[in-house]
């Protein structure tokens, strides 16, 4: 009986640990449960939110110093949402795609030595 109760409680806590944390509604303590958000970043998010709710990830990235596209993707994977949405990376305008590796040059065939011919 006690084991079943403990198992049920652990399951409830595990589900809460993986619950999404919305940047517009979470307290500083809630924000700090997201891997990658410490006291400094949670404070910046709460401070920026005082000017108004974040309209989306682009708005959050623009208004909160220290969050760029890369960190937004990592924070989103860790459970942070904005307006209930996960971060979706967008192709930046004017950014060239990475170049593919050049194929290796074929080896030159050995030429016969004149003295051998």
Protein backbone atom coordinates (compact mmCIF):
# COMPACT_ATOMS: atom_id res chain seq x y z
CA UNK A 1 0.00 0.00 0.00
CA UNK A 2 2.77 2.48 0.94
CA UNK A 3 4.76 1.49 -2.16
CA UNK A 4 1.79 2.26 -4.39
CA UNK A 5 1.34 5.66 -2.74
CA UNK A 6 5.04 6.50 -3.13
CA UNK A 7 5.01 5.35 -6.76
CA UNK A 8 1.97 7.52 -7.49
CA UNK A 9 3.56 10.56 -5.86
CA UNK A 10 6.80 10.06 -7.80
CA UNK A 11 4.85 9.78 -11.05
CA UNK A 12 3.04 13.06 -10.33
CA UNK A 13 6.31 14.85 -9.54
CA UNK A 14 7.95 13.42 -12.66
CA UNK A 15 5.12 14.74 -14.84
CA UNK A 16 5.46 18.18 -13.28
CA UNK A 17 9.21 18.17 -13.91
CA UNK A 18 8.61 17.77 -17.65
CA UNK A 19 5.78 20.29 -17.82
CA UNK A 20 6.31 23.28 -20.07
CA UNK A 21 7.15 26.60 -18.44
CA UNK A 22 5.68 29.62 -20.22
CA UNK A 23 7.86 32.73 -20.19
CA UNK A 24 4.78 34.96 -19.90
CA UNK A 25 3.30 33.29 -16.84
CA UNK A 26 6.11 31.64 -14.87
CA UNK A 27 7.57 33.04 -11.67
CA UNK A 28 11.33 33.43 -11.30
CA UNK A 29 11.42 30.15 -9.38
CA UNK A 30 9.48 28.38 -12.15
CA UNK A 31 11.77 29.80 -14.83
CA UNK A 32 14.82 28.57 -12.92
CA UNK A 33 13.53 24.98 -13.15
CA UNK A 34 14.31 25.10 -16.88
CA UNK A 35 17.81 23.80 -17.58
CA UNK A 36 19.92 26.73 -18.74
CA UNK A 37 18.02 29.45 -16.87
CA UNK A 38 19.71 30.70 -13.73
CA UNK A 39 18.93 33.55 -11.39
CA UNK A 40 20.36 36.20 -13.72
CA UNK A 41 18.44 35.14 -16.81
CA UNK A 42 15.20 34.56 -14.93
CA UNK A 43 15.48 38.10 -13.56
CA UNK A 44 16.00 39.51 -17.06
CA UNK A 45 12.95 37.64 -18.35
CA UNK A 46 10.72 38.85 -15.51
CA UNK A 47 12.02 42.42 -15.87
CA UNK A 48 11.41 42.48 -19.64
CA UNK A 49 7.96 41.01 -19.10
CA UNK A 50 6.98 44.05 -16.99
CA UNK A 51 6.80 46.06 -20.24
CA UNK A 52 4.25 43.59 -21.57
CA UNK A 53 3.83 39.94 -22.44
CA UNK A 54 6.13 38.43 -25.05
CA UNK A 55 4.33 38.13 -28.37
CA UNK A 56 6.48 35.21 -29.48
CA UNK A 57 10.01 33.85 -29.47
CA UNK A 58 11.31 36.64 -31.70
CA UNK A 59 10.01 39.19 -29.20
CA UNK A 60 11.64 37.34 -26.30
CA UNK A 61 14.97 37.14 -28.15
CA UNK A 62 14.83 40.85 -28.97
CA UNK A 63 13.90 42.05 -25.49
CA UNK A 64 15.95 39.75 -23.24
CA UNK A 65 19.71 40.18 -23.41
CA UNK A 66 21.63 36.92 -23.41
CA UNK A 67 19.09 34.95 -25.42
CA UNK A 68 19.84 34.36 -29.07
CA UNK A 69 18.57 31.83 -31.59
CA UNK A 70 20.88 29.08 -30.34
CA UNK A 71 20.05 29.51 -26.68
CA UNK A 72 16.34 29.87 -27.52
CA UNK A 73 16.44 26.47 -29.21
CA UNK A 74 18.17 24.91 -26.18
CA UNK A 75 15.78 26.53 -23.70
CA UNK A 76 12.80 25.41 -25.76
CA UNK A 77 14.06 21.84 -25.75
CA UNK A 78 14.46 22.09 -21.98
CA UNK A 79 10.78 23.05 -21.64
CA UNK A 80 10.48 26.82 -22.04
CA UNK A 81 7.59 28.08 -24.16
CA UNK A 82 6.37 31.51 -25.24
CA UNK A 83 2.61 31.85 -25.66
CA UNK A 84 2.49 28.04 -25.37
CA UNK A 85 4.75 27.53 -28.40
CA UNK A 86 8.13 25.88 -28.70
CA UNK A 87 10.91 27.68 -30.56
CA UNK A 88 11.20 27.01 -34.27
CA UNK A 89 14.42 28.15 -35.88
CA UNK A 90 13.89 30.18 -39.02
CA UNK A 91 16.35 30.52 -41.85
CA UNK A 92 17.96 33.92 -41.51
CA UNK A 93 17.65 36.16 -44.53
CA UNK A 94 20.88 36.78 -46.35
CA UNK A 95 22.75 33.98 -44.58
CA UNK A 96 24.50 31.66 -46.96
CA UNK A 97 24.11 27.94 -46.32
CA UNK A 98 27.20 26.11 -45.17
CA UNK A 99 29.43 24.91 -47.97
CA UNK A 100 29.62 21.20 -48.61
CA UNK A 101 32.99 19.55 -48.26
CA UNK A 102 34.95 19.43 -51.48
CA UNK A 103 35.35 15.95 -52.93
CA UNK A 104 38.84 14.52 -52.72
CA UNK A 105 40.93 14.72 -55.88
CA UNK A 106 41.49 11.37 -57.56
CA UNK A 107 44.99 10.01 -57.23
CA UNK A 108 47.19 10.47 -60.28
CA UNK A 109 48.18 7.22 -61.97
CA UNK A 110 51.84 6.33 -61.62
CA UNK A 111 53.85 6.91 -64.76
CA UNK A 112 56.16 4.20 -65.93
CA UNK A 113 59.83 4.94 -65.37
CA UNK A 114 61.61 5.61 -68.67
CA UNK A 115 64.43 3.29 -67.71
CA UNK A 116 61.95 0.45 -67.17
CA UNK A 117 60.43 0.77 -70.64
